Amino acid sequence: MHSEIFTDYLTKIDPAQRERTAEILDWVSANFPQLTPKIAWNQPMFTDHGTFIIGFSNSKKHLAISPEAAGITHFSATITAAGYEHTKNLLRFPWEKPVDYNLLTELINFNLTDKADTDTFWRK
């Protein structure tokens, strides 16, 4: 079950996207229990020791995943090989395509390791 923090957010998004979004948020919470769930900038995200780890936003055609530009840069080839589109700051999980949880795990683990000593919300 997703964190109660996300309940209000989930009730406000398109019902067709709600189940998949909740599934992904639940998965992150279950697999990374050390992360703190929160809503900021009207988007669900997870932090660790006060620093941003990963965020999500809904759009009509996809769920956008934001691991910050460093995560996208580091995994650009992997993201493309997995068949996902990305920009400098986010990758897109289309609603009709299965979620690559291995890739999501890699993105989160990268940020946990790369930002272990970060004392700001965003990278400097």
PDB file of N, CA and C in Angstrom:
ATOM      1  N   MET A   1       0.839  -1.187   0.000  1.00  0.00           N
ATOM      2  CA  MET A   1       0.000   0.000   0.000  1.00  0.00           C
ATOM      3  C   MET A   1       0.880   1.246   0.000  1.00  0.00           C
ATOM      4  N   HIS A   2       0.535   2.197  -0.831  1.00  0.00           N
ATOM      5  CA  HIS A   2       1.338   3.411  -0.932  1.00  0.00           C
ATOM      6  C   HIS A   2       1.227   4.256   0.336  1.00  0.00           C
ATOM      7  N   SER A   3       2.213   5.056   0.523  1.00  0.00           N
ATOM      8  CA  SER A   3       2.218   5.962   1.660  1.00  0.00           C
ATOM      9  C   SER A   3       0.987   6.863   1.606  1.00  0.00           C
ATOM     10  N   GLU A   4       0.416   7.128   2.752  1.00  0.00           N
ATOM     11  CA  GLU A   4      -0.735   8.032   2.819  1.00  0.00           C
ATOM     12  C   GLU A   4      -0.396   9.403   2.246  1.00  0.00           C
ATOM     13  N   ILE A   5       0.869   9.720   2.226  1.00  0.00           N
ATOM     14  CA  ILE A   5       1.306  10.996   1.666  1.00  0.00           C
ATOM     15  C   ILE A   5       0.867  11.128   0.208  1.00  0.00           C
ATOM     16  N   PHE A   6       0.787  10.000  -0.502  1.00  0.00           N
ATOM     17  CA  PHE A   6       0.444  10.032  -1.919  1.00  0.00           C
ATOM     18  C   PHE A   6      -1.050   9.918  -2.203  1.00  0.00           C
ATOM     19  N   THR A   7      -1.860   9.637  -1.216  1.00  0.00           N
ATOM     20  CA  THR A   7      -3.287   9.394  -1.423  1.00  0.00           C
ATOM     21  C   THR A   7      -3.980  10.553  -2.120  1.00  0.00           C
ATOM     22  N   ASP A   8      -3.794  11.764  -1.635  1.00  0.00           N
ATOM     23  CA  ASP A   8      -4.459  12.925  -2.228  1.00  0.00           C
ATOM     24  C   ASP A   8      -4.009  13.122  -3.675  1.00  0.00           C
ATOM     25  N   TYR A   9      -2.706  12.976  -3.917  1.00  0.00           N
ATOM     26  CA  TYR A   9      -2.178  13.098  -5.276  1.00  0.00           C
ATOM     27  C   TYR A   9      -2.849  12.089  -6.203  1.00  0.00           C
ATOM     28  N   LEU A  10      -2.914  10.839  -5.775  1.00  0.00           N
ATOM     29  CA  LEU A  10      -3.473   9.781  -6.613  1.00  0.00           C
ATOM     30  C   LEU A  10      -4.949  10.001  -6.926  1.00  0.00           C
ATOM     31  N   THR A  11      -5.699  10.564  -5.994  1.00  0.00           N
ATOM     32  CA  THR A  11      -7.126  10.805  -6.253  1.00  0.00           C
ATOM     33  C   THR A  11      -7.339  11.907  -7.277  1.00  0.00           C
ATOM     34  N   LYS A  12      -6.335  12.729  -7.509  1.00  0.00           N
ATOM     35  CA  LYS A  12      -6.482  13.868  -8.423  1.00  0.00           C
ATOM     36  C   LYS A  12      -6.008  13.577  -9.849  1.00  0.00           C
ATOM     37  N   ILE A  13      -5.372  12.420 -10.061  1.00  0.00           N
ATOM     38  CA  ILE A  13      -4.885  12.134 -11.414  1.00  0.00           C
ATOM     39  C   ILE A  13      -5.902  11.301 -12.177  1.00  0.00           C
ATOM     40  N   ASP A  14      -5.714  11.219 -13.461  1.00  0.00           N
ATOM     41  CA  ASP A  14      -6.578  10.450 -14.351  1.00  0.00           C
ATOM     42  C   ASP A  14      -6.742   9.033 -13.817  1.00  0.00           C
ATOM     43  N   PRO A  15      -7.981   8.572 -13.641  1.00  0.00           N
ATOM     44  CA  PRO A  15      -8.199   7.211 -13.124  1.00  0.00           C
ATOM     45  C   PRO A  15      -7.491   6.135 -13.943  1.00  0.00           C
ATOM     46  N   ALA A  16      -7.320   6.347 -15.228  1.00  0.00           N
ATOM     47  CA  ALA A  16      -6.628   5.369 -16.074  1.00  0.00           C
ATOM     48  C   ALA A  16      -5.142   5.263 -15.712  1.00  0.00           C
ATOM     49  N   GLN A  17      -4.585   6.291 -15.095  1.00  0.00           N
ATOM     50  CA  GLN A  17      -3.170   6.309 -14.715  1.00  0.00           C
ATOM     51  C   GLN A  17      -2.955   5.976 -13.237  1.00  0.00           C
ATOM     52  N   ARG A  18      -4.019   6.039 -12.463  1.00  0.00           N
ATOM     53  CA  ARG A  18      -3.918   5.917 -11.009  1.00  0.00           C
ATOM     54  C   ARG A  18      -3.324   4.575 -10.565  1.00  0.00           C
ATOM     55  N   GLU A  19      -3.820   3.478 -11.148  1.00  0.00           N
ATOM     56  CA  GLU A  19      -3.366   2.157 -10.708  1.00  0.00           C
ATOM     57  C   GLU A  19      -1.874   1.961 -10.983  1.00  0.00           C
ATOM     58  N   ARG A  20      -1.433   2.297 -12.175  1.00  0.00           N
ATOM     59  CA  ARG A  20      -0.007   2.129 -12.522  1.00  0.00           C
ATOM     60  C   ARG A  20       0.863   3.032 -11.654  1.00  0.00           C
ATOM     61  N   THR A  21       0.447   4.266 -11.463  1.00  0.00           N
ATOM     62  CA  THR A  21       1.226   5.194 -10.635  1.00  0.00           C
ATOM     63  C   THR A  21       1.326   4.677  -9.204  1.00  0.00           C
ATOM     64  N   ALA A  22       0.205   4.241  -8.644  1.00  0.00           N
ATOM     65  CA  ALA A  22       0.209   3.700  -7.279  1.00  0.00           C
ATOM     66  C   ALA A  22       1.100   2.465  -7.192  1.00  0.00           C
ATOM     67  N   GLU A  23       1.048   1.611  -8.220  1.00  0.00           N
ATOM     68  CA  GLU A  23       1.874   0.406  -8.250  1.00  0.00           C
ATOM     69  C   GLU A  23       3.357   0.762  -8.182  1.00  0.00           C
ATOM     70  N   ILE A  24       3.774   1.751  -8.930  1.00  0.00           N
ATOM     71  CA  ILE A  24       5.184   2.156  -8.952  1.00  0.00           C
ATOM     72  C   ILE A  24       5.581   2.802  -7.629  1.00  0.00           C
ATOM     73  N   LEU A  25       4.740   3.667  -7.099  1.00  0.00           N
ATOM     74  CA  LEU A  25       5.044   4.299  -5.813  1.00  0.00           C
ATOM     75  C   LEU A  25       5.113   3.251  -4.699  1.00  0.00           C
ATOM     76  N   ASP A  26       4.204   2.284  -4.731  1.00  0.00           N
ATOM     77  CA  ASP A  26       4.217   1.192  -3.754  1.00  0.00           C
ATOM     78  C   ASP A  26       5.501   0.381  -3.889  1.00  0.00           C
ATOM     79  N   TRP A  27       5.893   0.120  -5.129  1.00  0.00           N
ATOM     80  CA  TRP A  27       7.093  -0.662  -5.375  1.00  0.00           C
ATOM     81  C   TRP A  27       8.325   0.049  -4.802  1.00  0.00           C
ATOM     82  N   VAL A  28       8.440   1.353  -5.057  1.00  0.00           N
ATOM     83  CA  VAL A  28       9.586   2.101  -4.519  1.00  0.00           C
ATOM     84  C   VAL A  28       9.566   2.044  -2.996  1.00  0.00           C
ATOM     85  N   SER A  29       8.407   2.274  -2.391  1.00  0.00           N
ATOM     86  CA  SER A  29       8.299   2.240  -0.926  1.00  0.00           C
ATOM     87  C   SER A  29       8.692   0.880  -0.357  1.00  0.00           C
ATOM     88  N   ALA A  30       8.261  -0.198  -1.010  1.00  0.00           N
ATOM     89  CA  ALA A  30       8.547  -1.546  -0.525  1.00  0.00           C
ATOM     90  C   ALA A  30      10.009  -1.939  -0.718  1.00  0.00           C
ATOM     91  N   ASN A  31      10.598  -1.532  -1.836  1.00  0.00           N
ATOM     92  CA  ASN A  31      11.963  -1.941  -2.155  1.00  0.00           C
ATOM     93  C   ASN A  31      13.040  -1.009  -1.623  1.00  0.00           C
ATOM     94  N   PHE A  32      12.646   0.189  -1.249  1.00  0.00           N
ATOM     95  CA  PHE A  32      13.584   1.171  -0.704  1.00  0.00           C
ATOM     96  C   PHE A  32      12.956   1.818   0.531  1.00  0.00           C
ATOM     97  N   PRO A  33      12.724   1.020   1.586  1.00  0.00           N
ATOM     98  CA  PRO A  33      12.024   1.543   2.768  1.00  0.00           C
ATOM     99  C   PRO A  33      12.776   2.650   3.499  1.00  0.00           C
ATOM    100  N   GLN A  34      14.055   2.805   3.212  1.00  0.00           N
ATOM    101  CA  GLN A  34      14.830   3.868   3.842  1.00  0.00           C
ATOM    102  C   GLN A  34      14.512   5.253   3.245  1.00  0.00           C
ATOM    103  N   LEU A  35      13.850   5.273   2.083  1.00  0.00           N
ATOM    104  CA  LEU A  35      13.530   6.542   1.436  1.00  0.00           C
ATOM    105  C   LEU A  35      12.305   7.182   2.083  1.00  0.00           C
ATOM    106  N   THR A  36      12.300   8.504   2.081  1.00  0.00           N
ATOM    107  CA  THR A  36      11.187   9.270   2.635  1.00  0.00           C
ATOM    108  C   THR A  36      10.276   9.705   1.497  1.00  0.00           C
ATOM    109  N   PRO A  37       9.010   9.279   1.520  1.00  0.00           N
ATOM    110  CA  PRO A  37       8.071   9.728   0.483  1.00  0.00           C
ATOM    111  C   PRO A  37       7.588  11.133   0.785  1.00  0.00           C
ATOM    112  N   LYS A  38       7.397  11.935  -0.256  1.00  0.00           N
ATOM    113  CA  LYS A  38       6.882  13.288  -0.056  1.00  0.00           C
ATOM    114  C   LYS A  38       6.265  13.807  -1.347  1.00  0.00           C
ATOM    115  N   ILE A  39       5.467  14.845  -1.201  1.00  0.00           N
ATOM    116  CA  ILE A  39       4.941  15.573  -2.349  1.00  0.00           C
ATOM    117  C   ILE A  39       5.625  16.939  -2.342  1.00  0.00           C
ATOM    118  N   ALA A  40       6.219  17.296  -3.454  1.00  0.00           N
ATOM    119  CA  ALA A  40       6.830  18.618  -3.617  1.00  0.00           C
ATOM    120  C   ALA A  40       6.624  19.030  -5.068  1.00  0.00           C
ATOM    121  N   TRP A  41       6.349  20.284  -5.276  1.00  0.00           N
ATOM    122  CA  TRP A  41       6.047  20.788  -6.613  1.00  0.00           C
ATOM    123  C   TRP A  41       4.894  19.985  -7.236  1.00  0.00           C
ATOM    124  N   ASN A  42       3.949  19.583  -6.391  1.00  0.00           N
ATOM    125  CA  ASN A  42       2.768  18.807  -6.798  1.00  0.00           C
ATOM    126  C   ASN A  42       3.119  17.474  -7.445  1.00  0.00           C
ATOM    127  N   GLN A  43       4.249  16.892  -7.062  1.00  0.00           N
ATOM    128  CA  GLN A  43       4.685  15.617  -7.627  1.00  0.00           C
ATOM    129  C   GLN A  43       5.154  14.682  -6.520  1.00  0.00           C
ATOM    130  N   PRO A  44       4.862  13.381  -6.661  1.00  0.00           N
ATOM    131  CA  PRO A  44       5.403  12.430  -5.689  1.00  0.00           C
ATOM    132  C   PRO A  44       6.897  12.230  -5.924  1.00  0.00           C
ATOM    133  N   MET A  45       7.620  12.145  -4.818  1.00  0.00           N
ATOM    134  CA  MET A  45       9.061  11.928  -4.905  1.00  0.00           C
ATOM    135  C   MET A  45       9.543  11.229  -3.653  1.00  0.00           C
ATOM    136  N   PHE A  46      10.775  10.801  -3.706  1.00  0.00           N
ATOM    137  CA  PHE A  46      11.409  10.144  -2.573  1.00  0.00           C
ATOM    138  C   PHE A  46      12.744  10.818  -2.313  1.00  0.00           C
ATOM    139  N   THR A  47      13.053  10.984  -1.029  1.00  0.00           N
ATOM    140  CA  THR A  47      14.303  11.610  -0.622  1.00  0.00           C
ATOM    141  C   THR A  47      15.044  10.683   0.334  1.00  0.00           C
ATOM    142  N   ASP A  48      16.311  10.985   0.536  1.00  0.00           N
ATOM    143  CA  ASP A  48      17.140  10.270   1.497  1.00  0.00           C
ATOM    144  C   ASP A  48      18.019  11.302   2.181  1.00  0.00           C
ATOM    145  N   HIS A  49      18.037  11.318   3.475  1.00  0.00           N
ATOM    146  CA  HIS A  49      18.763  12.296   4.288  1.00  0.00           C
ATOM    147  C   HIS A  49      18.606  13.733   3.749  1.00  0.00           C
ATOM    148  N   GLY A  50      17.375  14.051   3.328  1.00  0.00           N
ATOM    149  CA  GLY A  50      17.061  15.404   2.869  1.00  0.00           C
ATOM    150  C   GLY A  50      17.456  15.723   1.447  1.00  0.00           C
ATOM    151  N   THR A  51      17.980  14.753   0.712  1.00  0.00           N
ATOM    152  CA  THR A  51      18.355  14.996  -0.677  1.00  0.00           C
ATOM    153  C   THR A  51      17.424  14.218  -1.622  1.00  0.00           C
ATOM    154  N   PHE A  52      17.132  14.834  -2.745  1.00  0.00           N
ATOM    155  CA  PHE A  52      16.257  14.242  -3.756  1.00  0.00           C
ATOM    156  C   PHE A  52      16.881  12.975  -4.319  1.00  0.00           C
ATOM    157  N   ILE A  53      16.075  11.915  -4.421  1.00  0.00           N
ATOM    158  CA  ILE A  53      16.550  10.667  -5.035  1.00  0.00           C
ATOM    159  C   ILE A  53      15.825  10.403  -6.348  1.00  0.00           C
ATOM    160  N   ILE A  54      14.484  10.448  -6.332  1.00  0.00           N
ATOM    161  CA  ILE A  54      13.732  10.203  -7.567  1.00  0.00           C
ATOM    162  C   ILE A  54      12.343  10.816  -7.441  1.00  0.00           C
ATOM    163  N   GLY A  55      11.843  11.314  -8.575  1.00  0.00           N
ATOM    164  CA  GLY A  55      10.509  11.912  -8.597  1.00  0.00           C
ATOM    165  C   GLY A  55       9.726  11.417  -9.798  1.00  0.00           C
ATOM    166  N   PHE A  56       8.419  11.613  -9.722  1.00  0.00           N
ATOM    167  CA  PHE A  56       7.507  11.122 -10.749  1.00  0.00           C
ATOM    168  C   PHE A  56       6.495  12.205 -11.103  1.00  0.00           C
ATOM    169  N   SER A  57       6.063  12.219 -12.353  1.00  0.00           N
ATOM    170  CA  SER A  57       4.979  13.119 -12.746  1.00  0.00           C
ATOM    171  C   SER A  57       4.177  12.451 -13.862  1.00  0.00           C
ATOM    172  N   ASN A  58       2.892  12.697 -13.822  1.00  0.00           N
ATOM    173  CA  ASN A  58       1.987  12.087 -14.794  1.00  0.00           C
ATOM    174  C   ASN A  58       1.733  13.013 -15.964  1.00  0.00           C
ATOM    175  N   SER A  59       1.681  12.433 -17.148  1.00  0.00           N
ATOM    176  CA  SER A  59       1.234  13.163 -18.328  1.00  0.00           C
ATOM    177  C   SER A  59       0.294  12.241 -19.090  1.00  0.00           C
ATOM    178  N   LYS A  60      -0.295  12.753 -20.119  1.00  0.00           N
ATOM    179  CA  LYS A  60      -1.294  11.988 -20.860  1.00  0.00           C
ATOM    180  C   LYS A  60      -0.746  10.671 -21.422  1.00  0.00           C
ATOM    181  N   LYS A  61       0.485  10.701 -21.933  1.00  0.00           N
ATOM    182  CA  LYS A  61       1.029   9.531 -22.621  1.00  0.00           C
ATOM    183  C   LYS A  61       2.019   8.696 -21.816  1.00  0.00           C
ATOM    184  N   HIS A  62       2.494   9.224 -20.682  1.00  0.00           N
ATOM    185  CA  HIS A  62       3.537   8.509 -19.949  1.00  0.00           C
ATOM    186  C   HIS A  62       3.641   8.968 -18.499  1.00  0.00           C
ATOM    187  N   LEU A  63       4.368   8.176 -17.725  1.00  0.00           N
ATOM    188  CA  LEU A  63       4.796   8.574 -16.395  1.00  0.00           C
ATOM    189  C   LEU A  63       6.239   9.027 -16.549  1.00  0.00           C
ATOM    190  N   ALA A  64       6.514  10.251 -16.163  1.00  0.00           N
ATOM    191  CA  ALA A  64       7.872  10.762 -16.246  1.00  0.00           C
ATOM    192  C   ALA A  64       8.620  10.408 -14.963  1.00  0.00           C
ATOM    193  N   ILE A  65       9.834   9.929 -15.122  1.00  0.00           N
ATOM    194  CA  ILE A  65      10.696   9.550 -14.012  1.00  0.00           C
ATOM    195  C   ILE A  65      11.880  10.502 -14.022  1.00  0.00           C
ATOM    196  N   SER A  66      12.112  11.153 -12.893  1.00  0.00           N
ATOM    197  CA  SER A  66      13.210  12.108 -12.825  1.00  0.00           C
ATOM    198  C   SER A  66      14.230  11.683 -11.774  1.00  0.00           C
ATOM    199  N   PRO A  67      15.407  11.246 -12.220  1.00  0.00           N
ATOM    200  CA  PRO A  67      16.484  10.945 -11.295  1.00  0.00           C
ATOM    201  C   PRO A  67      17.546  12.065 -11.282  1.00  0.00           C
ATOM    202  N   GLU A  68      17.176  13.243 -11.775  1.00  0.00           N
ATOM    203  CA  GLU A  68      18.079  14.375 -12.017  1.00  0.00           C
ATOM    204  C   GLU A  68      18.920  14.069 -13.263  1.00  0.00           C
ATOM    205  N   ALA A  69      19.503  15.099 -13.805  1.00  0.00           N
ATOM    206  CA  ALA A  69      20.262  14.982 -15.049  1.00  0.00           C
ATOM    207  C   ALA A  69      21.422  13.992 -14.921  1.00  0.00           C
ATOM    208  N   ALA A  70      22.056  13.924 -13.761  1.00  0.00           N
ATOM    209  CA  ALA A  70      23.196  13.011 -13.585  1.00  0.00           C
ATOM    210  C   ALA A  70      22.780  11.559 -13.797  1.00  0.00           C
ATOM    211  N   GLY A  71      21.605  11.193 -13.324  1.00  0.00           N
ATOM    212  CA  GLY A  71      21.108   9.834 -13.510  1.00  0.00           C
ATOM    213  C   GLY A  71      20.791   9.535 -14.962  1.00  0.00           C
ATOM    214  N   ILE A  72      20.192  10.509 -15.643  1.00  0.00           N
ATOM    215  CA  ILE A  72      19.881  10.331 -17.066  1.00  0.00           C
ATOM    216  C   ILE A  72      21.172  10.201 -17.870  1.00  0.00           C
ATOM    217  N   THR A  73      22.126  11.057 -17.593  1.00  0.00           N
ATOM    218  CA  THR A  73      23.401  11.018 -18.310  1.00  0.00           C
ATOM    219  C   THR A  73      24.095   9.677 -18.095  1.00  0.00           C
ATOM    220  N   HIS A  74      24.156   9.226 -16.852  1.00  0.00           N
ATOM    221  CA  HIS A  74      24.842   7.981 -16.522  1.00  0.00           C
ATOM    222  C   HIS A  74      24.195   6.776 -17.195  1.00  0.00           C
ATOM    223  N   PHE A  75      22.859   6.773 -17.304  1.00  0.00           N
ATOM    224  CA  PHE A  75      22.140   5.622 -17.843  1.00  0.00           C
ATOM    225  C   PHE A  75      21.543   5.854 -19.227  1.00  0.00           C
ATOM    226  N   SER A  76      21.982   6.867 -19.920  1.00  0.00           N
ATOM    227  CA  SER A  76      21.397   7.217 -21.214  1.00  0.00           C
ATOM    228  C   SER A  76      21.351   6.034 -22.179  1.00  0.00           C
ATOM    229  N   ALA A  77      22.444   5.331 -22.345  1.00  0.00           N
ATOM    230  CA  ALA A  77      22.487   4.200 -23.274  1.00  0.00           C
ATOM    231  C   ALA A  77      21.562   3.072 -22.804  1.00  0.00           C
ATOM    232  N   THR A  78      21.531   2.830 -21.503  1.00  0.00           N
ATOM    233  CA  THR A  78      20.666   1.787 -20.940  1.00  0.00           C
ATOM    234  C   THR A  78      19.200   2.140 -21.151  1.00  0.00           C
ATOM    235  N   ILE A  79      18.861   3.395 -20.934  1.00  0.00           N
ATOM    236  CA  ILE A  79      17.478   3.871 -21.118  1.00  0.00           C
ATOM    237  C   ILE A  79      17.054   3.674 -22.573  1.00  0.00           C
ATOM    238  N   THR A  80      17.906   4.084 -23.482  1.00  0.00           N
ATOM    239  CA  THR A  80      17.608   3.948 -24.908  1.00  0.00           C
ATOM    240  C   THR A  80      17.503   2.472 -25.305  1.00  0.00           C
ATOM    241  N   ALA A  81      18.427   1.647 -24.821  1.00  0.00           N
ATOM    242  CA  ALA A  81      18.403   0.214 -25.138  1.00  0.00           C
ATOM    243  C   ALA A  81      17.141  -0.459 -24.603  1.00  0.00           C
ATOM    244  N   ALA A  82      16.603   0.056 -23.501  1.00  0.00           N
ATOM    245  CA  ALA A  82      15.379  -0.499 -22.918  1.00  0.00           C
ATOM    246  C   ALA A  82      14.133  -0.044 -23.682  1.00  0.00           C
ATOM    247  N   GLY A  83      14.343   0.868 -24.640  1.00  0.00           N
ATOM    248  CA  GLY A  83      13.228   1.316 -25.474  1.00  0.00           C
ATOM    249  C   GLY A  83      12.456   2.503 -24.933  1.00  0.00           C
ATOM    250  N   TYR A  84      13.065   3.244 -24.003  1.00  0.00           N
ATOM    251  CA  TYR A  84      12.399   4.420 -23.445  1.00  0.00           C
ATOM    252  C   TYR A  84      12.997   5.691 -24.022  1.00  0.00           C
ATOM    253  N   GLU A  85      12.173   6.702 -24.132  1.00  0.00           N
ATOM    254  CA  GLU A  85      12.640   8.025 -24.538  1.00  0.00           C
ATOM    255  C   GLU A  85      13.076   8.783 -23.285  1.00  0.00           C
ATOM    256  N   HIS A  86      14.001   9.711 -23.482  1.00  0.00           N
ATOM    257  CA  HIS A  86      14.419  10.545 -22.355  1.00  0.00           C
ATOM    258  C   HIS A  86      14.838  11.917 -22.840  1.00  0.00           C
ATOM    259  N   THR A  87      14.815  12.849 -21.902  1.00  0.00           N
ATOM    260  CA  THR A  87      15.347  14.189 -22.125  1.00  0.00           C
ATOM    261  C   THR A  87      16.551  14.324 -21.200  1.00  0.00           C
ATOM    262  N   LYS A  88      17.058  15.504 -21.053  1.00  0.00           N
ATOM    263  CA  LYS A  88      18.203  15.736 -20.188  1.00  0.00           C
ATOM    264  C   LYS A  88      17.878  15.440 -18.714  1.00  0.00           C
ATOM    265  N   ASN A  89      16.599  15.625 -18.331  1.00  0.00           N
ATOM    266  CA  ASN A  89      16.241  15.505 -16.923  1.00  0.00           C
ATOM    267  C   ASN A  89      15.274  14.384 -16.565  1.00  0.00           C
ATOM    268  N   LEU A  90      14.680  13.718 -17.558  1.00  0.00           N
ATOM    269  CA  LEU A  90      13.702  12.687 -17.217  1.00  0.00           C
ATOM    270  C   LEU A  90      13.600  11.635 -18.295  1.00  0.00           C
ATOM    271  N   LEU A  91      13.055  10.486 -17.889  1.00  0.00           N
ATOM    272  CA  LEU A  91      12.745   9.454 -18.865  1.00  0.00           C
ATOM    273  C   LEU A  91      11.255   9.188 -18.801  1.00  0.00           C
ATOM    274  N   ARG A  92      10.733   8.622 -19.871  1.00  0.00           N
ATOM    275  CA  ARG A  92       9.288   8.428 -19.990  1.00  0.00           C
ATOM    276  C   ARG A  92       8.945   6.940 -20.028  1.00  0.00           C
ATOM    277  N   PHE A  93       8.100   6.524 -19.078  1.00  0.00           N
ATOM    278  CA  PHE A  93       7.539   5.174 -19.098  1.00  0.00           C
ATOM    279  C   PHE A  93       6.147   5.299 -19.712  1.00  0.00           C
ATOM    280  N   PRO A  94       5.964   4.899 -20.978  1.00  0.00           N
ATOM    281  CA  PRO A  94       4.636   4.981 -21.608  1.00  0.00           C
ATOM    282  C   PRO A  94       3.638   4.112 -20.846  1.00  0.00           C
ATOM    283  N   TRP A  95       2.406   4.571 -20.781  1.00  0.00           N
ATOM    284  CA  TRP A  95       1.366   3.845 -20.051  1.00  0.00           C
ATOM    285  C   TRP A  95       1.136   2.443 -20.602  1.00  0.00           C
ATOM    286  N   GLU A  96       1.287   2.267 -21.906  1.00  0.00           N
ATOM    287  CA  GLU A  96       0.969   0.967 -22.504  1.00  0.00           C
ATOM    288  C   GLU A  96       2.135  -0.021 -22.464  1.00  0.00           C
ATOM    289  N   LYS A  97       3.300   0.406 -21.985  1.00  0.00           N
ATOM    290  CA  LYS A  97       4.475  -0.458 -21.970  1.00  0.00           C
ATOM    291  C   LYS A  97       4.772  -0.916 -20.532  1.00  0.00           C
ATOM    292  N   PRO A  98       5.231  -2.157 -20.349  1.00  0.00           N
ATOM    293  CA  PRO A  98       5.579  -2.610 -18.994  1.00  0.00           C
ATOM    294  C   PRO A  98       6.685  -1.747 -18.384  1.00  0.00           C
ATOM    295  N   VAL A  99       6.668  -1.646 -17.072  1.00  0.00           N
ATOM    296  CA  VAL A  99       7.683  -0.877 -16.352  1.00  0.00           C
ATOM    297  C   VAL A  99       8.935  -1.736 -16.194  1.00  0.00           C
ATOM    298  N   ASP A 100      10.080  -1.164 -16.486  1.00  0.00           N
ATOM    299  CA  ASP A 100      11.357  -1.845 -16.308  1.00  0.00           C
ATOM    300  C   ASP A 100      11.841  -1.560 -14.883  1.00  0.00           C
ATOM    301  N   TYR A 101      11.459  -2.444 -13.961  1.00  0.00           N
ATOM    302  CA  TYR A 101      11.818  -2.236 -12.559  1.00  0.00           C
ATOM    303  C   TYR A 101      13.308  -2.408 -12.310  1.00  0.00           C
ATOM    304  N   ASN A 102      13.999  -3.168 -13.155  1.00  0.00           N
ATOM    305  CA  ASN A 102      15.455  -3.270 -13.017  1.00  0.00           C
ATOM    306  C   ASN A 102      16.109  -1.926 -13.291  1.00  0.00           C
ATOM    307  N   LEU A 103      15.644  -1.240 -14.323  1.00  0.00           N
ATOM    308  CA  LEU A 103      16.171   0.081 -14.636  1.00  0.00           C
ATOM    309  C   LEU A 103      15.845   1.061 -13.507  1.00  0.00           C
ATOM    310  N   LEU A 104      14.643   1.004 -12.995  1.00  0.00           N
ATOM    311  CA  LEU A 104      14.255   1.886 -11.889  1.00  0.00           C
ATOM    312  C   LEU A 104      15.142   1.625 -10.668  1.00  0.00           C
ATOM    313  N   THR A 105      15.431   0.363 -10.401  1.00  0.00           N
ATOM    314  CA  THR A 105      16.328   0.007  -9.302  1.00  0.00           C
ATOM    315  C   THR A 105      17.709   0.611  -9.513  1.00  0.00           C
ATOM    316  N   GLU A 106      18.227   0.491 -10.733  1.00  0.00           N
ATOM    317  CA  GLU A 106      19.549   1.038 -11.041  1.00  0.00           C
ATOM    318  C   GLU A 106      19.587   2.553 -10.848  1.00  0.00           C
ATOM    319  N   LEU A 107      18.550   3.238 -11.297  1.00  0.00           N
ATOM    320  CA  LEU A 107      18.494   4.692 -11.149  1.00  0.00           C
ATOM    321  C   LEU A 107      18.498   5.103  -9.681  1.00  0.00           C
ATOM    322  N   ILE A 108      17.679   4.432  -8.892  1.00  0.00           N
ATOM    323  CA  ILE A 108      17.596   4.765  -7.468  1.00  0.00           C
ATOM    324  C   ILE A 108      18.912   4.436  -6.763  1.00  0.00           C
ATOM    325  N   ASN A 109      19.457   3.253  -7.020  1.00  0.00           N
ATOM    326  CA  ASN A 109      20.729   2.887  -6.380  1.00  0.00           C
ATOM    327  C   ASN A 109      21.854   3.839  -6.772  1.00  0.00           C
ATOM    328  N   PHE A 110      21.878   4.255  -8.028  1.00  0.00           N
ATOM    329  CA  PHE A 110      22.888   5.224  -8.468  1.00  0.00           C
ATOM    330  C   PHE A 110      22.798   6.495  -7.640  1.00  0.00           C
ATOM    331  N   ASN A 111      21.582   7.036  -7.492  1.00  0.00           N
ATOM    332  CA  ASN A 111      21.437   8.276  -6.733  1.00  0.00           C
ATOM    333  C   ASN A 111      21.752   8.076  -5.252  1.00  0.00           C
ATOM    334  N   LEU A 112      21.373   6.942  -4.689  1.00  0.00           N
ATOM    335  CA  LEU A 112      21.697   6.685  -3.286  1.00  0.00           C
ATOM    336  C   LEU A 112      23.207   6.694  -3.072  1.00  0.00           C
ATOM    337  N   THR A 113      23.930   6.071  -3.982  1.00  0.00           N
ATOM    338  CA  THR A 113      25.389   6.018  -3.867  1.00  0.00           C
ATOM    339  C   THR A 113      26.019   7.365  -4.221  1.00  0.00           C
ATOM    340  N   ASP A 114      25.619   7.928  -5.340  1.00  0.00           N
ATOM    341  CA  ASP A 114      26.219   9.167  -5.832  1.00  0.00           C
ATOM    342  C   ASP A 114      25.939  10.358  -4.913  1.00  0.00           C
ATOM    343  N   LYS A 115      24.805  10.324  -4.228  1.00  0.00           N
ATOM    344  CA  LYS A 115      24.425  11.453  -3.374  1.00  0.00           C
ATOM    345  C   LYS A 115      24.563  11.143  -1.884  1.00  0.00           C
ATOM    346  N   ALA A 116      25.287  10.083  -1.555  1.00  0.00           N
ATOM    347  CA  ALA A 116      25.433   9.669  -0.154  1.00  0.00           C
ATOM    348  C   ALA A 116      25.968  10.791   0.732  1.00  0.00           C
ATOM    349  N   ASP A 117      26.864  11.613   0.207  1.00  0.00           N
ATOM    350  CA  ASP A 117      27.445  12.696   0.996  1.00  0.00           C
ATOM    351  C   ASP A 117      26.879  14.067   0.641  1.00  0.00           C
ATOM    352  N   THR A 118      25.809  14.093  -0.155  1.00  0.00           N
ATOM    353  CA  THR A 118      25.201  15.363  -0.554  1.00  0.00           C
ATOM    354  C   THR A 118      24.404  15.934   0.606  1.00  0.00           C
ATOM    355  N   ASP A 119      24.593  17.216   0.874  1.00  0.00           N
ATOM    356  CA  ASP A 119      23.871  17.848   1.975  1.00  0.00           C
ATOM    357  C   ASP A 119      22.873  18.901   1.493  1.00  0.00           C
ATOM    358  N   THR A 120      22.554  18.854   0.184  1.00  0.00           N
ATOM    359  CA  THR A 120      21.563  19.760  -0.387  1.00  0.00           C
ATOM    360  C   THR A 120      20.484  18.918  -1.072  1.00  0.00           C
ATOM    361  N   PHE A 121      19.339  19.530  -1.346  1.00  0.00           N
ATOM    362  CA  PHE A 121      18.244  18.799  -1.976  1.00  0.00           C
ATOM    363  C   PHE A 121      18.629  18.361  -3.385  1.00  0.00           C
ATOM    364  N   TRP A 122      19.114  19.305  -4.178  1.00  0.00           N
ATOM    365  CA  TRP A 122      19.543  19.026  -5.561  1.00  0.00           C
ATOM    366  C   TRP A 122      21.062  18.954  -5.601  1.00  0.00           C
ATOM    367  N   ARG A 123      21.594  18.298  -6.615  1.00  0.00           N
ATOM    368  CA  ARG A 123      23.045  18.325  -6.819  1.00  0.00           C
ATOM    369  C   ARG A 123      23.484  19.750  -7.085  1.00  0.00           C
ATOM    370  N   LYS A 124      24.710  20.032  -6.701  1.00  0.00           N
ATOM    371  CA  LYS A 124      25.262  21.374  -6.948  1.00  0.00           C
ATOM    372  C   LYS A 124      25.850  21.452  -8.321  1.00  0.00           C
TER     373      LYS A 124
END
